[in-house]
Amino acid sequence: MTLATQDQGYGEIALVDLLDRLLGTGVVISGDVVISLAGVDLVQVQLHALISSVRAEMTQ
């Protein structure tokens, strides 16, 4: 599986290479989902995650 990039001279990037690059530097994922009915919040889910590799943390 490859991801097509914009025409900036990068070419195609394999999914494994993309994950390696993201985990090498670390990535933060943050999001909120609220399901409401008639203005009343029924379900609220919050996600806050910091993903980093151990290898990157050990070198610092």
N, C-alpha and C. Protein backbone atom coordinates (compact mmCIF):
# COMPACT_ATOMS: atom_id res chain seq x y z
N MET A 1 0.85 -1.17 0.00
CA MET A 1 0.00 0.00 0.00
C MET A 1 0.89 1.23 0.00
N THR A 2 0.64 2.14 -0.90
CA THR A 2 1.40 3.38 -0.97
C THR A 2 0.44 4.56 -0.94
N LEU A 3 0.94 5.67 -0.51
CA LEU A 3 0.16 6.89 -0.46
C LEU A 3 0.68 7.84 -1.52
N ALA A 4 -0.23 8.37 -2.32
CA ALA A 4 0.16 9.33 -3.34
C ALA A 4 0.34 10.70 -2.68
N THR A 5 1.37 11.40 -3.07
CA THR A 5 1.63 12.72 -2.50
C THR A 5 1.37 13.78 -3.54
N GLN A 6 1.36 15.01 -3.11
CA GLN A 6 1.21 16.12 -4.04
C GLN A 6 2.41 16.16 -4.98
N ASP A 7 2.28 16.84 -6.06
CA ASP A 7 3.35 16.91 -7.05
C ASP A 7 4.44 17.88 -6.57
N GLN A 8 5.21 17.44 -5.56
CA GLN A 8 6.28 18.25 -5.00
C GLN A 8 7.63 17.55 -5.15
N GLY A 9 7.69 16.53 -5.99
CA GLY A 9 8.95 15.85 -6.21
C GLY A 9 9.25 14.74 -5.23
N TYR A 10 8.30 14.41 -4.35
CA TYR A 10 8.55 13.37 -3.36
C TYR A 10 8.27 11.97 -3.90
N GLY A 11 7.35 11.83 -4.82
CA GLY A 11 6.98 10.53 -5.34
C GLY A 11 6.03 9.83 -4.39
N GLU A 12 5.97 8.51 -4.49
CA GLU A 12 5.09 7.71 -3.63
C GLU A 12 5.84 7.29 -2.37
N ILE A 13 5.12 7.24 -1.27
CA ILE A 13 5.69 6.84 0.01
C ILE A 13 4.96 5.58 0.47
N ALA A 14 5.71 4.54 0.83
CA ALA A 14 5.10 3.32 1.35
C ALA A 14 4.55 3.59 2.75
N LEU A 15 3.49 2.90 3.10
CA LEU A 15 2.86 3.09 4.40
C LEU A 15 3.84 2.79 5.54
N VAL A 16 4.69 1.80 5.37
CA VAL A 16 5.68 1.45 6.39
C VAL A 16 6.67 2.60 6.58
N ASP A 17 7.09 3.22 5.48
CA ASP A 17 8.01 4.35 5.58
C ASP A 17 7.36 5.54 6.27
N LEU A 18 6.09 5.78 5.98
CA LEU A 18 5.37 6.86 6.63
C LEU A 18 5.25 6.63 8.13
N LEU A 19 4.89 5.41 8.54
CA LEU A 19 4.80 5.09 9.97
C LEU A 19 6.15 5.20 10.66
N ASP A 20 7.21 4.76 9.98
CA ASP A 20 8.55 4.85 10.55
C ASP A 20 8.94 6.31 10.77
N ARG A 21 8.61 7.16 9.81
CA ARG A 21 8.93 8.58 9.93
C ARG A 21 8.14 9.23 11.06
N LEU A 22 6.84 8.89 11.17
CA LEU A 22 6.01 9.48 12.22
C LEU A 22 6.43 8.99 13.60
N LEU A 23 6.71 7.70 13.73
CA LEU A 23 7.10 7.16 15.04
C LEU A 23 8.51 7.59 15.42
N GLY A 24 9.35 7.86 14.44
CA GLY A 24 10.70 8.31 14.74
C GLY A 24 10.71 9.67 15.41
N THR A 25 9.78 10.54 15.04
CA THR A 25 9.71 11.86 15.64
C THR A 25 8.61 11.97 16.68
N GLY A 26 7.65 11.09 16.62
CA GLY A 26 6.51 11.13 17.54
C GLY A 26 5.34 11.82 16.89
N VAL A 27 4.15 11.48 17.33
CA VAL A 27 2.94 12.08 16.78
C VAL A 27 1.91 12.23 17.91
N VAL A 28 1.15 13.30 17.86
CA VAL A 28 0.10 13.56 18.84
C VAL A 28 -1.24 13.48 18.11
N ILE A 29 -2.16 12.68 18.66
CA ILE A 29 -3.50 12.55 18.11
C ILE A 29 -4.47 13.09 19.15
N SER A 30 -5.32 13.99 18.72
CA SER A 30 -6.28 14.58 19.64
C SER A 30 -7.61 14.76 18.91
N GLY A 31 -8.69 14.39 19.57
CA GLY A 31 -9.99 14.54 18.93
C GLY A 31 -11.13 14.45 19.92
N ASP A 32 -12.23 15.04 19.56
CA ASP A 32 -13.45 15.01 20.37
C ASP A 32 -14.62 14.63 19.48
N VAL A 33 -15.49 13.76 19.99
CA VAL A 33 -16.71 13.38 19.29
C VAL A 33 -17.86 13.53 20.27
N VAL A 34 -18.88 14.27 19.85
CA VAL A 34 -20.06 14.47 20.69
C VAL A 34 -21.28 14.07 19.87
N ILE A 35 -22.09 13.18 20.43
CA ILE A 35 -23.35 12.79 19.80
C ILE A 35 -24.47 13.41 20.63
N SER A 36 -25.26 14.23 19.96
CA SER A 36 -26.34 14.89 20.69
C SER A 36 -27.65 14.73 19.94
N LEU A 37 -28.72 14.82 20.68
CA LEU A 37 -30.07 14.71 20.12
C LEU A 37 -30.91 15.83 20.71
N ALA A 38 -31.45 16.66 19.86
CA ALA A 38 -32.28 17.80 20.28
C ALA A 38 -31.55 18.71 21.25
N GLY A 39 -30.26 18.93 20.99
CA GLY A 39 -29.48 19.84 21.82
C GLY A 39 -28.99 19.25 23.13
N VAL A 40 -29.24 17.97 23.37
CA VAL A 40 -28.80 17.31 24.60
C VAL A 40 -27.66 16.36 24.24
N ASP A 41 -26.50 16.56 24.88
CA ASP A 41 -25.36 15.69 24.62
C ASP A 41 -25.61 14.31 25.23
N LEU A 42 -25.61 13.29 24.39
CA LEU A 42 -25.84 11.92 24.86
C LEU A 42 -24.52 11.20 25.11
N VAL A 43 -23.57 11.34 24.21
CA VAL A 43 -22.28 10.66 24.32
C VAL A 43 -21.17 11.64 23.96
N GLN A 44 -20.13 11.66 24.79
CA GLN A 44 -18.97 12.50 24.50
C GLN A 44 -17.74 11.63 24.66
N VAL A 45 -16.93 11.58 23.61
CA VAL A 45 -15.70 10.79 23.62
C VAL A 45 -14.55 11.73 23.32
N GLN A 46 -13.52 11.70 24.17
CA GLN A 46 -12.33 12.50 23.96
C GLN A 46 -11.13 11.57 23.83
N LEU A 47 -10.30 11.85 22.84
CA LEU A 47 -9.11 11.04 22.60
C LEU A 47 -7.90 11.96 22.58
N HIS A 48 -6.94 11.67 23.43
CA HIS A 48 -5.68 12.40 23.45
C HIS A 48 -4.58 11.35 23.58
N ALA A 49 -3.76 11.22 22.56
CA ALA A 49 -2.73 10.18 22.57
C ALA A 49 -1.41 10.75 22.07
N LEU A 50 -0.33 10.34 22.71
CA LEU A 50 1.02 10.66 22.28
C LEU A 50 1.67 9.35 21.90
N ILE A 51 2.08 9.22 20.64
CA ILE A 51 2.67 7.99 20.15
C ILE A 51 4.11 8.28 19.74
N SER A 52 5.02 7.54 20.34
CA SER A 52 6.43 7.71 20.03
C SER A 52 7.12 6.38 20.20
N SER A 53 8.20 6.20 19.51
CA SER A 53 8.94 4.95 19.64
C SER A 53 9.90 5.03 20.82
N VAL A 54 10.22 3.90 21.40
CA VAL A 54 11.17 3.84 22.50
C VAL A 54 12.56 4.21 22.01
N ARG A 55 12.87 3.84 20.80
CA ARG A 55 14.18 4.15 20.23
C ARG A 55 14.42 5.66 20.20
N ALA A 56 13.41 6.44 19.85
CA ALA A 56 13.56 7.89 19.79
C ALA A 56 13.75 8.48 21.18
N GLU A 57 13.09 7.92 22.18
CA GLU A 57 13.22 8.42 23.53
C GLU A 57 14.56 8.04 24.16
N MET A 58 15.11 6.91 23.79
CA MET A 58 16.37 6.45 24.36
C MET A 58 17.56 7.27 23.87
N THR A 59 17.46 7.86 22.68
CA THR A 59 18.57 8.63 22.14
C THR A 59 18.67 10.02 22.73
N GLN A 60 17.63 10.47 23.40
CA GLN A 60 17.66 11.83 23.96
C GLN A 60 18.24 11.85 25.34
